[in-house]
């Protein structure tokens, strides 16, 4: 019987905290740091957390529903069309 082994992750460092005014002044620099270091930054207002800046992670699309809307339905594809075919002739 196969046994699941839990994923080990690196210990998460606590997110850095920064006041909203400082975040506003250094926004682009902080965004680069979050991207490059895969770190998180908590933005505070009057000392209370109000937002978190986290690195963006691309997730592969879910398999379920991936092809939704791609199938074209045609009414009856096996019924007679009303056209004569060479195969309908009895000339063997």
PDB file of N, CA and C in Angstrom:
ATOM      1  N   UNK A   1       0.845  -1.176   0.000  1.00  0.00           N
ATOM      2  CA  UNK A   1       0.000   0.000   0.000  1.00  0.00           C
ATOM      3  C   UNK A   1       0.888   1.236   0.000  1.00  0.00           C
ATOM      4  N   UNK A   2       0.567   2.175  -0.894  1.00  0.00           N
ATOM      5  CA  UNK A   2       1.348   3.405  -0.964  1.00  0.00           C
ATOM      6  C   UNK A   2       0.973   4.323   0.187  1.00  0.00           C
ATOM      7  N   UNK A   3       1.987   4.991   0.692  1.00  0.00           N
ATOM      8  CA  UNK A   3       1.752   5.919   1.790  1.00  0.00           C
ATOM      9  C   UNK A   3       2.095   7.320   1.320  1.00  0.00           C
ATOM     10  N   UNK A   4       1.222   8.257   1.597  1.00  0.00           N
ATOM     11  CA  UNK A   4       1.475   9.644   1.200  1.00  0.00           C
ATOM     12  C   UNK A   4       2.514  10.255   2.114  1.00  0.00           C
ATOM     13  N   UNK A   5       3.459  10.911   1.482  1.00  0.00           N
ATOM     14  CA  UNK A   5       4.480  11.616   2.242  1.00  0.00           C
ATOM     15  C   UNK A   5       4.148  13.096   2.172  1.00  0.00           C
ATOM     16  N   UNK A   6       3.976  13.739   3.319  1.00  0.00           N
ATOM     17  CA  UNK A   6       3.635  15.165   3.275  1.00  0.00           C
ATOM     18  C   UNK A   6       4.756  15.983   2.673  1.00  0.00           C
ATOM     19  N   UNK A   7       4.361  17.015   1.930  1.00  0.00           N
ATOM     20  CA  UNK A   7       5.356  17.909   1.343  1.00  0.00           C
ATOM     21  C   UNK A   7       6.045  18.682   2.454  1.00  0.00           C
ATOM     22  N   UNK A   8       7.336  18.792   2.318  1.00  0.00           N
ATOM     23  CA  UNK A   8       8.051  19.617   3.285  1.00  0.00           C
ATOM     24  C   UNK A   8       8.281  20.970   2.649  1.00  0.00           C
ATOM     25  N   UNK A   9       8.001  21.977   3.387  1.00  0.00           N
ATOM     26  CA  UNK A   9       8.211  23.328   2.888  1.00  0.00           C
ATOM     27  C   UNK A   9       9.215  24.019   3.778  1.00  0.00           C
ATOM     28  N   UNK A  10       9.872  24.966   3.195  1.00  0.00           N
ATOM     29  CA  UNK A  10      10.830  25.727   3.982  1.00  0.00           C
ATOM     30  C   UNK A  10      10.076  26.513   5.037  1.00  0.00           C
ATOM     31  N   UNK A  11      10.690  26.692   6.204  1.00  0.00           N
ATOM     32  CA  UNK A  11      10.002  27.470   7.234  1.00  0.00           C
ATOM     33  C   UNK A  11       9.680  28.870   6.720  1.00  0.00           C
ATOM     34  N   UNK A  12       8.441  29.260   6.891  1.00  0.00           N
ATOM     35  CA  UNK A  12       7.988  30.560   6.406  1.00  0.00           C
ATOM     36  C   UNK A  12       8.444  31.649   7.367  1.00  0.00           C
ATOM     37  N   UNK A  13       9.117  32.636   6.831  1.00  0.00           N
ATOM     38  CA  UNK A  13       9.516  33.769   7.648  1.00  0.00           C
ATOM     39  C   UNK A  13       8.296  34.656   7.853  1.00  0.00           C
ATOM     40  N   UNK A  14       8.207  35.288   9.020  1.00  0.00           N
ATOM     41  CA  UNK A  14       7.069  36.194   9.212  1.00  0.00           C
ATOM     42  C   UNK A  14       7.122  37.329   8.189  1.00  0.00           C
ATOM     43  N   UNK A  15       5.951  37.724   7.730  1.00  0.00           N
ATOM     44  CA  UNK A  15       5.876  38.787   6.724  1.00  0.00           C
ATOM     45  C   UNK A  15       6.361  40.106   7.315  1.00  0.00           C
ATOM     46  N   UNK A  16       7.090  40.854   6.503  1.00  0.00           N
ATOM     47  CA  UNK A  16       7.533  42.187   6.923  1.00  0.00           C
ATOM     48  C   UNK A  16       6.310  43.092   7.002  1.00  0.00           C
ATOM     49  N   UNK A  17       6.325  44.018   7.939  1.00  0.00           N
ATOM     50  CA  UNK A  17       5.215  44.970   8.085  1.00  0.00           C
ATOM     51  C   UNK A  17       5.706  46.349   7.687  1.00  0.00           C
ATOM     52  N   UNK A  18       4.842  47.074   6.982  1.00  0.00           N
ATOM     53  CA  UNK A  18       5.214  48.405   6.524  1.00  0.00           C
ATOM     54  C   UNK A  18       3.988  49.315   6.582  1.00  0.00           C
ATOM     55  N   UNK A  19       4.144  50.531   7.087  1.00  0.00           N
ATOM     56  CA  UNK A  19       3.004  51.460   7.121  1.00  0.00           C
ATOM     57  C   UNK A  19       2.561  51.848   5.707  1.00  0.00           C
ATOM     58  N   UNK A  20       1.283  52.118   5.549  1.00  0.00           N
ATOM     59  CA  UNK A  20       0.714  52.445   4.239  1.00  0.00           C
ATOM     60  C   UNK A  20       1.418  53.625   3.584  1.00  0.00           C
ATOM     61  N   UNK A  21       1.774  54.641   4.349  1.00  0.00           N
ATOM     62  CA  UNK A  21       2.456  55.809   3.784  1.00  0.00           C
ATOM     63  C   UNK A  21       3.804  55.443   3.194  1.00  0.00           C
ATOM     64  N   UNK A  22       4.552  54.588   3.886  1.00  0.00           N
ATOM     65  CA  UNK A  22       5.850  54.153   3.372  1.00  0.00           C
ATOM     66  C   UNK A  22       5.662  53.243   2.162  1.00  0.00           C
ATOM     67  N   UNK A  23       4.633  52.384   2.217  1.00  0.00           N
ATOM     68  CA  UNK A  23       4.349  51.522   1.067  1.00  0.00           C
ATOM     69  C   UNK A  23       4.051  52.365  -0.167  1.00  0.00           C
ATOM     70  N   UNK A  24       3.272  53.421   0.015  1.00  0.00           N
ATOM     71  CA  UNK A  24       2.915  54.296  -1.106  1.00  0.00           C
ATOM     72  C   UNK A  24       4.167  54.907  -1.730  1.00  0.00           C
ATOM     73  N   UNK A  25       5.118  55.312  -0.900  1.00  0.00           N
ATOM     74  CA  UNK A  25       6.339  55.951  -1.398  1.00  0.00           C
ATOM     75  C   UNK A  25       7.284  54.951  -2.062  1.00  0.00           C
ATOM     76  N   UNK A  26       7.258  53.683  -1.628  1.00  0.00           N
ATOM     77  CA  UNK A  26       8.223  52.683  -2.121  1.00  0.00           C
ATOM     78  C   UNK A  26       7.547  51.525  -2.854  1.00  0.00           C
ATOM     79  N   UNK A  27       6.346  51.729  -3.319  1.00  0.00           N
ATOM     80  CA  UNK A  27       5.526  50.660  -3.890  1.00  0.00           C
ATOM     81  C   UNK A  27       6.254  49.818  -4.938  1.00  0.00           C
ATOM     82  N   UNK A  28       6.808  50.432  -5.966  1.00  0.00           N
ATOM     83  CA  UNK A  28       7.447  49.676  -7.047  1.00  0.00           C
ATOM     84  C   UNK A  28       8.658  48.901  -6.552  1.00  0.00           C
ATOM     85  N   UNK A  29       9.441  49.512  -5.683  1.00  0.00           N
ATOM     86  CA  UNK A  29      10.610  48.837  -5.108  1.00  0.00           C
ATOM     87  C   UNK A  29      10.175  47.615  -4.295  1.00  0.00           C
ATOM     88  N   UNK A  30       9.132  47.776  -3.495  1.00  0.00           N
ATOM     89  CA  UNK A  30       8.651  46.673  -2.662  1.00  0.00           C
ATOM     90  C   UNK A  30       8.057  45.551  -3.511  1.00  0.00           C
ATOM     91  N   UNK A  31       7.386  45.903  -4.592  1.00  0.00           N
ATOM     92  CA  UNK A  31       6.847  44.878  -5.490  1.00  0.00           C
ATOM     93  C   UNK A  31       7.972  44.046  -6.086  1.00  0.00           C
ATOM     94  N   UNK A  32       9.070  44.692  -6.471  1.00  0.00           N
ATOM     95  CA  UNK A  32      10.227  43.963  -6.999  1.00  0.00           C
ATOM     96  C   UNK A  32      10.812  43.032  -5.943  1.00  0.00           C
ATOM     97  N   UNK A  33      10.892  43.501  -4.697  1.00  0.00           N
ATOM     98  CA  UNK A  33      11.430  42.666  -3.619  1.00  0.00           C
ATOM     99  C   UNK A  33      10.562  41.435  -3.399  1.00  0.00           C
ATOM    100  N   UNK A  34       9.264  41.616  -3.396  1.00  0.00           N
ATOM    101  CA  UNK A  34       8.342  40.494  -3.201  1.00  0.00           C
ATOM    102  C   UNK A  34       8.510  39.478  -4.322  1.00  0.00           C
ATOM    103  N   UNK A  35       8.623  39.959  -5.548  1.00  0.00           N
ATOM    104  CA  UNK A  35       8.800  39.062  -6.690  1.00  0.00           C
ATOM    105  C   UNK A  35      10.126  38.319  -6.605  1.00  0.00           C
ATOM    106  N   UNK A  36      11.220  39.047  -6.343  1.00  0.00           N
ATOM    107  CA  UNK A  36      12.558  38.453  -6.372  1.00  0.00           C
ATOM    108  C   UNK A  36      12.833  37.537  -5.186  1.00  0.00           C
ATOM    109  N   UNK A  37      12.327  37.880  -4.028  1.00  0.00           N
ATOM    110  CA  UNK A  37      12.624  37.118  -2.805  1.00  0.00           C
ATOM    111  C   UNK A  37      11.504  36.163  -2.409  1.00  0.00           C
ATOM    112  N   UNK A  38      10.418  36.181  -3.153  1.00  0.00           N
ATOM    113  CA  UNK A  38       9.237  35.377  -2.800  1.00  0.00           C
ATOM    114  C   UNK A  38       8.844  35.627  -1.350  1.00  0.00           C
ATOM    115  N   UNK A  39       8.839  36.888  -0.971  1.00  0.00           N
ATOM    116  CA  UNK A  39       8.506  37.289   0.392  1.00  0.00           C
ATOM    117  C   UNK A  39       7.108  37.886   0.417  1.00  0.00           C
ATOM    118  N   UNK A  40       6.590  38.084   1.606  1.00  0.00           N
ATOM    119  CA  UNK A  40       5.296  38.725   1.779  1.00  0.00           C
ATOM    120  C   UNK A  40       5.490  40.000   2.583  1.00  0.00           C
ATOM    121  N   UNK A  41       4.672  40.987   2.293  1.00  0.00           N
ATOM    122  CA  UNK A  41       4.716  42.243   3.038  1.00  0.00           C
ATOM    123  C   UNK A  41       3.298  42.571   3.486  1.00  0.00           C
ATOM    124  N   UNK A  42       3.141  42.830   4.771  1.00  0.00           N
ATOM    125  CA  UNK A  42       1.852  43.238   5.318  1.00  0.00           C
ATOM    126  C   UNK A  42       1.844  44.760   5.395  1.00  0.00           C
ATOM    127  N   UNK A  43       0.830  45.367   4.820  1.00  0.00           N
ATOM    128  CA  UNK A  43       0.701  46.821   4.821  1.00  0.00           C
ATOM    129  C   UNK A  43      -0.242  47.190   5.964  1.00  0.00           C
ATOM    130  N   UNK A  44       0.206  48.122   6.791  1.00  0.00           N
ATOM    131  CA  UNK A  44      -0.577  48.494   7.970  1.00  0.00           C
ATOM    132  C   UNK A  44      -1.075  49.926   7.870  1.00  0.00           C
ATOM    133  N   UNK A  45      -2.151  50.184   8.563  1.00  0.00           N
ATOM    134  CA  UNK A  45      -2.703  51.532   8.670  1.00  0.00           C
ATOM    135  C   UNK A  45      -2.997  51.747  10.150  1.00  0.00           C
ATOM    136  N   UNK A  46      -2.334  52.736  10.716  1.00  0.00           N
ATOM    137  CA  UNK A  46      -2.427  52.992  12.159  1.00  0.00           C
ATOM    138  C   UNK A  46      -2.034  51.754  12.967  1.00  0.00           C
ATOM    139  N   UNK A  47      -1.036  51.011  12.457  1.00  0.00           N
ATOM    140  CA  UNK A  47      -0.510  49.850  13.168  1.00  0.00           C
ATOM    141  C   UNK A  47      -1.307  48.572  12.995  1.00  0.00           C
ATOM    142  N   UNK A  48      -2.427  48.618  12.283  1.00  0.00           N
ATOM    143  CA  UNK A  48      -3.258  47.426  12.083  1.00  0.00           C
ATOM    144  C   UNK A  48      -3.128  46.949  10.637  1.00  0.00           C
ATOM    145  N   UNK A  49      -2.972  45.639  10.441  1.00  0.00           N
ATOM    146  CA  UNK A  49      -2.843  45.102   9.077  1.00  0.00           C
ATOM    147  C   UNK A  49      -4.105  45.355   8.256  1.00  0.00           C
ATOM    148  N   UNK A  50      -3.909  45.824   7.019  1.00  0.00           N
ATOM    149  CA  UNK A  50      -5.048  46.063   6.125  1.00  0.00           C
ATOM    150  C   UNK A  50      -4.913  45.330   4.793  1.00  0.00           C
ATOM    151  N   UNK A  51      -3.692  44.974   4.414  1.00  0.00           N
ATOM    152  CA  UNK A  51      -3.481  44.289   3.135  1.00  0.00           C
ATOM    153  C   UNK A  51      -2.182  43.506   3.200  1.00  0.00           C
ATOM    154  N   UNK A  52      -2.058  42.543   2.273  1.00  0.00           N
ATOM    155  CA  UNK A  52      -0.836  41.750   2.192  1.00  0.00           C
ATOM    156  C   UNK A  52      -0.394  41.703   0.734  1.00  0.00           C
ATOM    157  N   UNK A  53       0.865  42.002   0.491  1.00  0.00           N
ATOM    158  CA  UNK A  53       1.455  41.915  -0.842  1.00  0.00           C
ATOM    159  C   UNK A  53       2.200  40.591  -0.906  1.00  0.00           C
ATOM    160  N   UNK A  54       1.787  39.722  -1.821  1.00  0.00           N
ATOM    161  CA  UNK A  54       2.381  38.384  -1.936  1.00  0.00           C
ATOM    162  C   UNK A  54       2.834  38.157  -3.369  1.00  0.00           C
ATOM    163  N   UNK A  55       3.813  37.266  -3.583  1.00  0.00           N
ATOM    164  CA  UNK A  55       4.247  36.989  -4.950  1.00  0.00           C
ATOM    165  C   UNK A  55       3.153  36.264  -5.735  1.00  0.00           C
ATOM    166  N   UNK A  56       3.068  36.570  -7.008  1.00  0.00           N
ATOM    167  CA  UNK A  56       2.091  35.939  -7.892  1.00  0.00           C
ATOM    168  C   UNK A  56       2.593  34.559  -8.276  1.00  0.00           C
ATOM    169  N   UNK A  57       1.702  33.573  -8.228  1.00  0.00           N
ATOM    170  CA  UNK A  57       2.064  32.210  -8.621  1.00  0.00           C
ATOM    171  C   UNK A  57       1.122  31.756  -9.717  1.00  0.00           C
ATOM    172  N   UNK A  58       1.692  31.413 -10.866  1.00  0.00           N
ATOM    173  CA  UNK A  58       0.895  30.853 -11.961  1.00  0.00           C
ATOM    174  C   UNK A  58       0.452  29.455 -11.566  1.00  0.00           C
ATOM    175  N   UNK A  59      -0.834  29.195 -11.673  1.00  0.00           N
ATOM    176  CA  UNK A  59      -1.335  27.855 -11.400  1.00  0.00           C
ATOM    177  C   UNK A  59      -1.805  27.263 -12.717  1.00  0.00           C
ATOM    178  N   UNK A  60      -1.469  26.009 -12.958  1.00  0.00           N
ATOM    179  CA  UNK A  60      -1.960  25.393 -14.196  1.00  0.00           C
ATOM    180  C   UNK A  60      -3.485  25.302 -14.142  1.00  0.00           C
ATOM    181  N   UNK A  61      -4.132  25.398 -15.287  1.00  0.00           N
ATOM    182  CA  UNK A  61      -5.592  25.333 -15.281  1.00  0.00           C
ATOM    183  C   UNK A  61      -6.062  23.973 -14.779  1.00  0.00           C
ATOM    184  N   UNK A  62      -7.200  23.949 -14.122  1.00  0.00           N
ATOM    185  CA  UNK A  62      -7.772  22.700 -13.633  1.00  0.00           C
ATOM    186  C   UNK A  62      -8.175  21.841 -14.822  1.00  0.00           C
ATOM    187  N   UNK A  63      -8.002  20.547 -14.698  1.00  0.00           N
ATOM    188  CA  UNK A  63      -8.360  19.636 -15.789  1.00  0.00           C
ATOM    189  C   UNK A  63      -9.875  19.607 -15.970  1.00  0.00           C
ATOM    190  N   UNK A  64     -10.601  19.589 -14.865  1.00  0.00           N
ATOM    191  CA  UNK A  64     -12.059  19.560 -14.944  1.00  0.00           C
ATOM    192  C   UNK A  64     -12.558  20.876 -15.533  1.00  0.00           C
ATOM    193  N   UNK A  65     -13.283  20.800 -16.616  1.00  0.00           N
ATOM    194  CA  UNK A  65     -13.833  21.995 -17.243  1.00  0.00           C
ATOM    195  C   UNK A  65     -12.896  22.682 -18.217  1.00  0.00           C
ATOM    196  N   UNK A  66     -11.720  22.105 -18.448  1.00  0.00           N
ATOM    197  CA  UNK A  66     -10.729  22.727 -19.317  1.00  0.00           C
ATOM    198  C   UNK A  66     -11.255  22.920 -20.743  1.00  0.00           C
ATOM    199  N   UNK A  67     -12.043  21.975 -21.229  1.00  0.00           N
ATOM    200  CA  UNK A  67     -12.545  22.045 -22.606  1.00  0.00           C
ATOM    201  C   UNK A  67     -13.966  22.605 -22.700  1.00  0.00           C
ATOM    202  N   UNK A  68     -14.458  23.187 -21.623  1.00  0.00           N
ATOM    203  CA  UNK A  68     -15.813  23.732 -21.615  1.00  0.00           C
ATOM    204  C   UNK A  68     -15.973  24.762 -22.738  1.00  0.00           C
ATOM    205  N   UNK A  69     -17.050  24.598 -23.498  1.00  0.00           N
ATOM    206  CA  UNK A  69     -17.351  25.540 -24.567  1.00  0.00           C
ATOM    207  C   UNK A  69     -16.623  25.266 -25.871  1.00  0.00           C
ATOM    208  N   UNK A  70     -15.876  24.165 -25.952  1.00  0.00           N
ATOM    209  CA  UNK A  70     -15.118  23.896 -27.174  1.00  0.00           C
ATOM    210  C   UNK A  70     -15.783  22.850 -28.065  1.00  0.00           C
ATOM    211  N   UNK A  71     -16.817  22.187 -27.581  1.00  0.00           N
ATOM    212  CA  UNK A  71     -17.485  21.146 -28.360  1.00  0.00           C
ATOM    213  C   UNK A  71     -18.625  21.781 -29.150  1.00  0.00           C
ATOM    214  N   UNK A  72     -18.700  21.443 -30.431  1.00  0.00           N
ATOM    215  CA  UNK A  72     -19.776  21.945 -31.291  1.00  0.00           C
ATOM    216  C   UNK A  72     -20.789  20.822 -31.464  1.00  0.00           C
ATOM    217  N   UNK A  73     -22.047  21.102 -31.194  1.00  0.00           N
ATOM    218  CA  UNK A  73     -23.107  20.109 -31.298  1.00  0.00           C
ATOM    219  C   UNK A  73     -23.839  20.301 -32.615  1.00  0.00           C
ATOM    220  N   UNK A  74     -23.909  19.233 -33.403  1.00  0.00           N
ATOM    221  CA  UNK A  74     -24.687  19.221 -34.641  1.00  0.00           C
ATOM    222  C   UNK A  74     -25.862  18.288 -34.411  1.00  0.00           C
ATOM    223  N   UNK A  75     -27.030  18.692 -34.838  1.00  0.00           N
ATOM    224  CA  UNK A  75     -28.241  17.907 -34.565  1.00  0.00           C
ATOM    225  C   UNK A  75     -28.014  16.409 -34.732  1.00  0.00           C
ATOM    226  N   UNK A  76     -28.606  15.804 -35.721  1.00  0.00           N
ATOM    227  CA  UNK A  76     -28.517  14.355 -35.917  1.00  0.00           C
ATOM    228  C   UNK A  76     -27.438  14.062 -36.947  1.00  0.00           C
ATOM    229  N   UNK A  77     -26.320  13.499 -36.521  1.00  0.00           N
ATOM    230  CA  UNK A  77     -25.214  13.255 -37.454  1.00  0.00           C
ATOM    231  C   UNK A  77     -25.261  11.864 -38.079  1.00  0.00           C
ATOM    232  N   UNK A  78     -26.194  10.995 -37.653  1.00  0.00           N
ATOM    233  CA  UNK A  78     -26.256   9.650 -38.222  1.00  0.00           C
ATOM    234  C   UNK A  78     -27.528   9.405 -39.023  1.00  0.00           C
ATOM    235  N   UNK A  79     -28.489  10.291 -38.962  1.00  0.00           N
ATOM    236  CA  UNK A  79     -29.739  10.127 -39.698  1.00  0.00           C
ATOM    237  C   UNK A  79     -29.562  10.453 -41.174  1.00  0.00           C
ATOM    238  N   UNK A  80     -30.573  10.119 -41.983  1.00  0.00           N
ATOM    239  CA  UNK A  80     -30.493  10.395 -43.418  1.00  0.00           C
ATOM    240  C   UNK A  80     -30.410  11.897 -43.696  1.00  0.00           C
ATOM    241  N   UNK A  81     -29.648  12.239 -44.739  1.00  0.00           N
ATOM    242  CA  UNK A  81     -29.466  13.648 -45.092  1.00  0.00           C
ATOM    243  C   UNK A  81     -30.378  14.076 -46.227  1.00  0.00           C
ATOM    244  N   UNK A  82     -30.952  13.101 -46.935  1.00  0.00           N
ATOM    245  CA  UNK A  82     -31.791  13.427 -48.075  1.00  0.00           C
ATOM    246  C   UNK A  82     -31.000  13.456 -49.380  1.00  0.00           C
ATOM    247  N   UNK A  83     -29.692  13.330 -49.312  1.00  0.00           N
ATOM    248  CA  UNK A  83     -28.857  13.323 -50.513  1.00  0.00           C
ATOM    249  C   UNK A  83     -28.615  11.887 -50.947  1.00  0.00           C
ATOM    250  N   UNK A  84     -28.450  11.706 -52.286  1.00  0.00           N
ATOM    251  CA  UNK A  84     -28.124  10.376 -52.807  1.00  0.00           C
ATOM    252  C   UNK A  84     -26.617  10.198 -52.801  1.00  0.00           C
ATOM    253  N   UNK A  85     -26.203   9.031 -52.398  1.00  0.00           N
ATOM    254  CA  UNK A  85     -24.785   8.687 -52.355  1.00  0.00           C
ATOM    255  C   UNK A  85     -24.519   7.579 -53.360  1.00  0.00           C
ATOM    256  N   UNK A  86     -23.295   7.527 -53.864  1.00  0.00           N
ATOM    257  CA  UNK A  86     -22.922   6.450 -54.785  1.00  0.00           C
ATOM    258  C   UNK A  86     -23.093   5.090 -54.119  1.00  0.00           C
ATOM    259  N   UNK A  87     -22.913   5.006 -52.848  1.00  0.00           N
ATOM    260  CA  UNK A  87     -23.034   3.737 -52.126  1.00  0.00           C
ATOM    261  C   UNK A  87     -24.476   3.245 -52.112  1.00  0.00           C
ATOM    262  N   UNK A  88     -25.444   4.139 -52.363  1.00  0.00           N
ATOM    263  CA  UNK A  88     -26.850   3.746 -52.378  1.00  0.00           C
ATOM    264  C   UNK A  88     -27.216   2.997 -53.660  1.00  0.00           C
ATOM    265  N   UNK A  89     -26.399   3.110 -54.722  1.00  0.00           N
ATOM    266  CA  UNK A  89     -26.681   2.433 -55.993  1.00  0.00           C
ATOM    267  C   UNK A  89     -26.471   0.936 -55.840  1.00  0.00           C
ATOM    268  N   UNK A  90     -27.313   0.160 -56.553  1.00  0.00           N
ATOM    269  CA  UNK A  90     -27.202  -1.299 -56.507  1.00  0.00           C
ATOM    270  C   UNK A  90     -26.298  -1.823 -57.607  1.00  0.00           C
ATOM    271  N   UNK A  91     -25.464  -1.035 -58.183  1.00  0.00           N
ATOM    272  CA  UNK A  91     -24.604  -1.489 -59.280  1.00  0.00           C
ATOM    273  C   UNK A  91     -23.292  -2.024 -58.718  1.00  0.00           C
ATOM    274  N   UNK A  92     -23.280  -3.279 -58.305  1.00  0.00           N
ATOM    275  CA  UNK A  92     -22.061  -3.899 -57.757  1.00  0.00           C
ATOM    276  C   UNK A  92     -21.252  -4.510 -58.833  1.00  0.00           C
TER     277      UNK A  92
END
